[in-house]
Structure formats: structure tokens, C-alpha cells
Amino acid sequence: MNITQKMTALSFAALMVGIGSYMLTTRQMVIKAQQVSQEQAGRVLFANLCATCHGPGGDGSGGAPNLTDGRVLQKYPTSQALGTFIQQRMPASAPGTLNPDETRDLVLYIQRLNRGPS
């Protein structure tokens, strides 16, 4: 392989690495945007369906358990476990009425309440 062929191969390899990095970064940004959008949807659902009992910030000021102190995530450590509980038992006034997307959005929002702002 002569020097021109080596330089061409190296340039091509560098281009592929750059494109791969760009695609990965772009995909990560899309996923983050979707999560933010889902968390925002969860915030709206929480305000409409949960805040009366759990308080506007989820701190338990409405008489139901505090959802911000980490205990809910200790009891339901995975998104699936928390989602199953919400899907089957919440809202207390109409258990089982949330669809899977609403449940997912609430799970993301409750998890965000426990992590704080990013």
C-alpha cells in the first residue's frame, strides 16, 4: 500500500468515526428530548391526577405518601415495578384507568422528582 492509499484509508476511517460519533450524539439528543417531553407530560398528568393527594410538588402535603424523599424508589426500584403499581392502583379515585403512555410519563416524572433537576 503506497502513502496515498494509506492516507485515503486513514481519512476514510476518520470520517466514519466522525459520522458514527455524530449519529450517536444525535440519537442521544433525540432520546433526551423524548424523555423531557414525557416528563413534561408526566408533570401535567401529576398536576391533574395526583397533586390533590400527594401535594403539588409530590411532597405528601395532600395527605398521601411523599413521592420526593426516595422511599417510593426504594419500594419500587425499577421503572417497571413503579409503573405496575401506578397502573394497577392509581389514581386512588379511579385505579387502572391510566393507559401505558400515561403510566410511563408519570413514572419518569416521579423518578425526576426524586433525582431533582438535571
N, C-alpha and C. Protein backbone atom coordinates (compact mmCIF):
# COMPACT_ATOMS: atom_id res chain seq x y z
N MET A 1 0.86 -1.17 0.00
CA MET A 1 0.00 0.00 0.00
C MET A 1 0.91 1.23 0.00
N ASN A 2 0.69 2.12 -0.96
CA ASN A 2 1.53 3.32 -1.01
C ASN A 2 0.98 4.39 -0.07
N ILE A 3 1.71 5.47 0.07
CA ILE A 3 1.36 6.53 1.02
C ILE A 3 0.00 7.16 0.70
N THR A 4 -0.33 7.32 -0.57
CA THR A 4 -1.61 7.90 -0.96
C THR A 4 -2.76 6.99 -0.54
N GLN A 5 -2.59 5.70 -0.74
CA GLN A 5 -3.64 4.75 -0.34
C GLN A 5 -3.79 4.73 1.18
N LYS A 6 -2.67 4.79 1.90
CA LYS A 6 -2.74 4.81 3.37
C LYS A 6 -3.44 6.06 3.86
N MET A 7 -3.11 7.21 3.26
CA MET A 7 -3.75 8.47 3.66
C MET A 7 -5.24 8.44 3.36
N THR A 8 -5.60 7.88 2.21
CA THR A 8 -7.01 7.77 1.84
C THR A 8 -7.74 6.86 2.83
N ALA A 9 -7.13 5.74 3.18
CA ALA A 9 -7.75 4.81 4.13
C ALA A 9 -7.90 5.46 5.51
N LEU A 10 -6.87 6.17 5.96
CA LEU A 10 -6.95 6.85 7.26
C LEU A 10 -8.00 7.95 7.24
N SER A 11 -8.08 8.69 6.16
CA SER A 11 -9.09 9.75 6.04
C SER A 11 -10.49 9.16 6.08
N PHE A 12 -10.66 8.06 5.36
CA PHE A 12 -11.97 7.40 5.35
C PHE A 12 -12.32 6.89 6.74
N ALA A 13 -11.37 6.28 7.43
CA ALA A 13 -11.61 5.77 8.78
C ALA A 13 -11.98 6.91 9.72
N ALA A 14 -11.27 8.03 9.62
CA ALA A 14 -11.58 9.19 10.47
C ALA A 14 -12.97 9.72 10.17
N LEU A 15 -13.33 9.75 8.89
CA LEU A 15 -14.66 10.20 8.50
C LEU A 15 -15.74 9.29 9.10
N MET A 16 -15.53 7.99 9.04
CA MET A 16 -16.50 7.04 9.59
C MET A 16 -16.64 7.20 11.10
N VAL A 17 -15.53 7.41 11.79
CA VAL A 17 -15.59 7.63 13.24
C VAL A 17 -16.37 8.90 13.53
N GLY A 18 -16.11 9.94 12.76
CA GLY A 18 -16.83 11.20 12.95
C GLY A 18 -18.33 11.05 12.71
N ILE A 19 -18.68 10.37 11.64
CA ILE A 19 -20.10 10.15 11.34
C ILE A 19 -20.74 9.31 12.43
N GLY A 20 -20.05 8.27 12.88
CA GLY A 20 -20.59 7.42 13.95
C GLY A 20 -20.80 8.21 15.23
N SER A 21 -19.86 9.06 15.58
CA SER A 21 -19.99 9.88 16.79
C SER A 21 -21.15 10.85 16.65
N TYR A 22 -21.29 11.46 15.48
CA TYR A 22 -22.39 12.39 15.24
C TYR A 22 -23.73 11.68 15.37
N MET A 23 -23.83 10.50 14.76
CA MET A 23 -25.09 9.76 14.81
C MET A 23 -25.42 9.35 16.24
N LEU A 24 -24.44 8.91 17.00
CA LEU A 24 -24.66 8.52 18.38
C LEU A 24 -25.09 9.72 19.21
N THR A 25 -24.41 10.85 19.03
CA THR A 25 -24.76 12.07 19.76
C THR A 25 -26.15 12.53 19.39
N THR A 26 -26.48 12.50 18.11
CA THR A 26 -27.81 12.90 17.65
C THR A 26 -28.87 11.99 18.26
N ARG A 27 -28.63 10.69 18.26
CA ARG A 27 -29.59 9.73 18.84
C ARG A 27 -29.78 10.00 20.33
N GLN A 28 -28.68 10.27 21.03
CA GLN A 28 -28.78 10.57 22.46
C GLN A 28 -29.59 11.84 22.69
N MET A 29 -29.42 12.84 21.82
CA MET A 29 -30.17 14.08 21.97
C MET A 29 -31.66 13.84 21.72
N VAL A 30 -31.98 12.99 20.75
CA VAL A 30 -33.38 12.67 20.46
C VAL A 30 -34.00 11.94 21.65
N ILE A 31 -33.28 10.98 22.20
CA ILE A 31 -33.78 10.24 23.37
C ILE A 31 -34.01 11.20 24.53
N LYS A 32 -33.06 12.09 24.79
CA LYS A 32 -33.19 13.06 25.89
C LYS A 32 -34.40 13.96 25.66
N ALA A 33 -34.60 14.42 24.42
CA ALA A 33 -35.75 15.27 24.11
C ALA A 33 -37.05 14.51 24.34
N GLN A 34 -37.09 13.24 23.97
CA GLN A 34 -38.29 12.44 24.20
C GLN A 34 -38.54 12.29 25.69
N GLN A 35 -37.49 12.05 26.46
CA GLN A 35 -37.65 11.90 27.90
C GLN A 35 -38.14 13.19 28.53
N VAL A 36 -37.58 14.32 28.11
CA VAL A 36 -38.02 15.61 28.64
C VAL A 36 -39.48 15.82 28.30
N SER A 37 -39.86 15.51 27.07
CA SER A 37 -41.25 15.65 26.65
C SER A 37 -42.16 14.74 27.48
N GLN A 38 -41.71 13.52 27.73
CA GLN A 38 -42.50 12.59 28.53
C GLN A 38 -42.58 13.06 29.98
N GLU A 39 -41.49 13.60 30.50
CA GLU A 39 -41.51 14.13 31.87
C GLU A 39 -42.47 15.31 31.96
N GLN A 40 -42.51 16.16 30.93
CA GLN A 40 -43.44 17.28 30.93
C GLN A 40 -44.87 16.78 30.89
N ALA A 41 -45.12 15.77 30.09
CA ALA A 41 -46.46 15.17 30.06
C ALA A 41 -46.79 14.58 31.42
N GLY A 42 -45.80 13.94 32.05
CA GLY A 42 -46.00 13.40 33.39
C GLY A 42 -46.30 14.49 34.41
N ARG A 43 -45.64 15.63 34.26
CA ARG A 43 -45.89 16.77 35.17
C ARG A 43 -47.34 17.23 35.06
N VAL A 44 -47.85 17.32 33.84
CA VAL A 44 -49.24 17.73 33.62
C VAL A 44 -50.19 16.70 34.20
N LEU A 45 -49.93 15.42 33.92
CA LEU A 45 -50.77 14.36 34.49
C LEU A 45 -50.75 14.40 36.01
N PHE A 46 -49.55 14.57 36.57
CA PHE A 46 -49.42 14.62 38.02
C PHE A 46 -50.25 15.77 38.59
N ALA A 47 -50.14 16.94 37.98
CA ALA A 47 -50.90 18.10 38.45
C ALA A 47 -52.40 17.84 38.41
N ASN A 48 -52.85 17.14 37.39
CA ASN A 48 -54.28 16.90 37.22
C ASN A 48 -54.82 15.71 38.01
N LEU A 49 -53.99 14.68 38.20
CA LEU A 49 -54.49 13.44 38.78
C LEU A 49 -53.92 13.10 40.16
N CYS A 50 -52.76 13.63 40.50
CA CYS A 50 -52.05 13.16 41.68
C CYS A 50 -51.85 14.23 42.76
N ALA A 51 -51.76 15.49 42.33
CA ALA A 51 -51.38 16.56 43.25
C ALA A 51 -52.37 16.77 44.38
N THR A 52 -53.64 16.49 44.16
CA THR A 52 -54.62 16.67 45.22
C THR A 52 -54.26 15.82 46.44
N CYS A 53 -53.81 14.61 46.21
CA CYS A 53 -53.47 13.71 47.32
C CYS A 53 -52.00 13.79 47.72
N HIS A 54 -51.10 13.91 46.73
CA HIS A 54 -49.66 13.85 47.01
C HIS A 54 -49.04 15.23 47.18
N GLY A 55 -49.83 16.29 46.99
CA GLY A 55 -49.30 17.65 47.06
C GLY A 55 -48.78 18.09 45.70
N PRO A 56 -48.80 19.40 45.44
CA PRO A 56 -48.40 19.91 44.13
C PRO A 56 -46.98 19.53 43.72
N GLY A 57 -46.08 19.42 44.67
CA GLY A 57 -44.71 19.04 44.38
C GLY A 57 -44.42 17.59 44.68
N GLY A 58 -45.45 16.83 45.04
CA GLY A 58 -45.27 15.42 45.36
C GLY A 58 -44.73 15.15 46.75
N ASP A 59 -44.75 16.19 47.60
CA ASP A 59 -44.12 16.08 48.93
C ASP A 59 -45.02 15.49 50.01
N GLY A 60 -46.20 15.03 49.62
CA GLY A 60 -47.09 14.41 50.58
C GLY A 60 -47.96 15.40 51.33
N SER A 61 -47.93 16.67 50.93
CA SER A 61 -48.69 17.69 51.66
C SER A 61 -50.20 17.53 51.50
N GLY A 62 -50.64 16.67 50.59
CA GLY A 62 -52.06 16.41 50.43
C GLY A 62 -52.55 15.24 51.26
N GLY A 63 -51.67 14.62 52.05
CA GLY A 63 -52.06 13.52 52.91
C GLY A 63 -51.59 12.15 52.42
N ALA A 64 -51.33 12.02 51.13
CA ALA A 64 -50.82 10.75 50.60
C ALA A 64 -49.29 10.72 50.75
N PRO A 65 -48.66 9.59 50.52
CA PRO A 65 -47.21 9.49 50.72
C PRO A 65 -46.39 10.52 49.94
N ASN A 66 -45.27 10.89 50.53
CA ASN A 66 -44.29 11.77 49.89
C ASN A 66 -43.64 10.99 48.75
N LEU A 67 -43.61 11.57 47.58
CA LEU A 67 -43.01 10.91 46.42
C LEU A 67 -41.64 11.50 46.07
N THR A 68 -41.10 12.36 46.95
CA THR A 68 -39.84 13.03 46.64
C THR A 68 -38.69 12.62 47.54
N ASP A 69 -38.94 11.83 48.55
CA ASP A 69 -37.90 11.53 49.55
C ASP A 69 -37.13 10.23 49.30
N GLY A 70 -37.36 9.62 48.16
CA GLY A 70 -36.62 8.41 47.80
C GLY A 70 -37.27 7.11 48.24
N ARG A 71 -38.22 7.18 49.17
CA ARG A 71 -38.81 5.93 49.66
C ARG A 71 -39.60 5.19 48.58
N VAL A 72 -40.27 5.95 47.72
CA VAL A 72 -41.05 5.29 46.66
C VAL A 72 -40.12 4.51 45.72
N LEU A 73 -38.92 5.06 45.49
CA LEU A 73 -37.98 4.36 44.60
C LEU A 73 -37.28 3.21 45.31
N GLN A 74 -37.24 3.24 46.63
CA GLN A 74 -36.73 2.08 47.37
C GLN A 74 -37.74 0.94 47.31
N LYS A 75 -39.01 1.30 47.44
CA LYS A 75 -40.06 0.30 47.43
C LYS A 75 -40.29 -0.25 46.01
N TYR A 76 -40.17 0.62 45.02
CA TYR A 76 -40.36 0.25 43.61
C TYR A 76 -39.11 0.68 42.84
N PRO A 77 -38.03 -0.11 42.91
CA PRO A 77 -36.73 0.34 42.41
C PRO A 77 -36.57 0.39 40.89
N THR A 78 -37.47 -0.23 40.16
CA THR A 78 -37.37 -0.19 38.70
C THR A 78 -38.56 0.56 38.11
N SER A 79 -38.37 1.05 36.91
CA SER A 79 -39.47 1.72 36.21
C SER A 79 -40.65 0.78 36.06
N GLN A 80 -40.37 -0.48 35.77
CA GLN A 80 -41.44 -1.46 35.59
C GLN A 80 -42.22 -1.67 36.89
N ALA A 81 -41.52 -1.79 38.01
CA ALA A 81 -42.20 -2.02 39.29
C ALA A 81 -43.08 -0.83 39.66
N LEU A 82 -42.53 0.37 39.50
CA LEU A 82 -43.32 1.57 39.81
C LEU A 82 -44.48 1.70 38.85
N GLY A 83 -44.23 1.43 37.57
CA GLY A 83 -45.29 1.51 36.57
C GLY A 83 -46.41 0.52 36.84
N THR A 84 -46.08 -0.68 37.24
CA THR A 84 -47.09 -1.69 37.55
C THR A 84 -47.96 -1.23 38.72
N PHE A 85 -47.33 -0.69 39.76
CA PHE A 85 -48.09 -0.19 40.90
C PHE A 85 -49.03 0.93 40.46
N ILE A 86 -48.50 1.89 39.71
CA ILE A 86 -49.33 3.02 39.27
C ILE A 86 -50.46 2.52 38.39
N GLN A 87 -50.14 1.64 37.44
CA GLN A 87 -51.14 1.14 36.51
C GLN A 87 -52.28 0.42 37.24
N GLN A 88 -51.95 -0.34 38.26
CA GLN A 88 -52.96 -1.14 38.95
C GLN A 88 -53.69 -0.40 40.07
N ARG A 89 -53.03 0.58 40.70
CA ARG A 89 -53.60 1.15 41.93
C ARG A 89 -53.89 2.65 41.89
N MET A 90 -53.43 3.33 40.87
CA MET A 90 -53.59 4.78 40.83
C MET A 90 -54.35 5.19 39.57
N PRO A 91 -54.96 6.36 39.61
CA PRO A 91 -55.19 7.19 40.78
C PRO A 91 -56.15 6.50 41.74
N ALA A 92 -56.06 6.86 42.98
CA ALA A 92 -56.87 6.19 44.01
C ALA A 92 -58.36 6.28 43.70
N SER A 93 -58.76 7.37 43.05
CA SER A 93 -60.18 7.55 42.74
C SER A 93 -60.64 6.75 41.52
N ALA A 94 -59.68 6.26 40.72
CA ALA A 94 -60.04 5.50 39.52
C ALA A 94 -58.89 4.58 39.12
N PRO A 95 -58.55 3.61 39.98
CA PRO A 95 -57.41 2.74 39.68
C PRO A 95 -57.57 1.99 38.36
N GLY A 96 -56.43 1.82 37.68
CA GLY A 96 -56.44 1.06 36.44
C GLY A 96 -56.91 1.82 35.21
N THR A 97 -57.11 3.12 35.33
CA THR A 97 -57.63 3.88 34.20
C THR A 97 -56.55 4.55 33.35
N LEU A 98 -55.31 4.54 33.81
CA LEU A 98 -54.24 5.17 33.04
C LEU A 98 -53.77 4.23 31.93
N ASN A 99 -53.54 4.80 30.76
CA ASN A 99 -53.01 3.98 29.67
C ASN A 99 -51.49 3.83 29.83
N PRO A 100 -50.87 2.94 29.09
CA PRO A 100 -49.42 2.71 29.25
C PRO A 100 -48.56 3.95 29.05
N ASP A 101 -48.91 4.81 28.09
CA ASP A 101 -48.13 6.04 27.88
C ASP A 101 -48.24 6.98 29.08
N GLU A 102 -49.45 7.12 29.61
CA GLU A 102 -49.63 7.98 30.79
C GLU A 102 -48.85 7.42 31.98
N THR A 103 -48.90 6.12 32.14
CA THR A 103 -48.16 5.48 33.24
C THR A 103 -46.67 5.73 33.08
N ARG A 104 -46.14 5.52 31.88
CA ARG A 104 -44.71 5.76 31.62
C ARG A 104 -44.33 7.21 31.92
N ASP A 105 -45.17 8.15 31.49
CA ASP A 105 -44.88 9.57 31.72
C ASP A 105 -44.87 9.90 33.21
N LEU A 106 -45.81 9.33 33.95
CA LEU A 106 -45.82 9.55 35.40
C LEU A 106 -44.61 8.93 36.08
N VAL A 107 -44.21 7.75 35.65
CA VAL A 107 -43.02 7.11 36.21
C VAL A 107 -41.81 8.01 36.00
N LEU A 108 -41.62 8.51 34.79
CA LEU A 108 -40.48 9.39 34.51
C LEU A 108 -40.52 10.64 35.38
N TYR A 109 -41.72 11.20 35.53
CA TYR A 109 -41.84 12.42 36.34
C TYR A 109 -41.55 12.13 37.82
N ILE A 110 -42.07 11.06 38.35
CA ILE A 110 -41.81 10.71 39.76
C ILE A 110 -40.33 10.41 39.97
N GLN A 111 -39.72 9.73 39.02
CA GLN A 111 -38.27 9.49 39.12
C GLN A 111 -37.51 10.81 39.11
N ARG A 112 -37.94 11.76 38.29
CA ARG A 112 -37.30 13.08 38.24
C ARG A 112 -37.49 13.82 39.57
N LEU A 113 -38.66 13.70 40.17
CA LEU A 113 -38.89 14.33 41.48
C LEU A 113 -37.87 13.85 42.50
N ASN A 114 -37.48 12.61 42.40
CA ASN A 114 -36.53 12.03 43.35
C ASN A 114 -35.08 12.35 43.01
N ARG A 115 -34.77 12.64 41.77
CA ARG A 115 -33.40 12.98 41.38
C ARG A 115 -33.14 14.46 41.45
N GLY A 116 -34.19 15.27 41.40
CA GLY A 116 -34.01 16.70 41.34
C GLY A 116 -33.74 17.13 39.91
N PRO A 117 -33.64 18.43 39.68
CA PRO A 117 -33.42 18.92 38.32
C PRO A 117 -32.07 18.48 37.78
N SER A 118 -32.03 18.26 36.47
CA SER A 118 -30.74 17.86 35.86
C SER A 118 -30.08 19.04 35.21
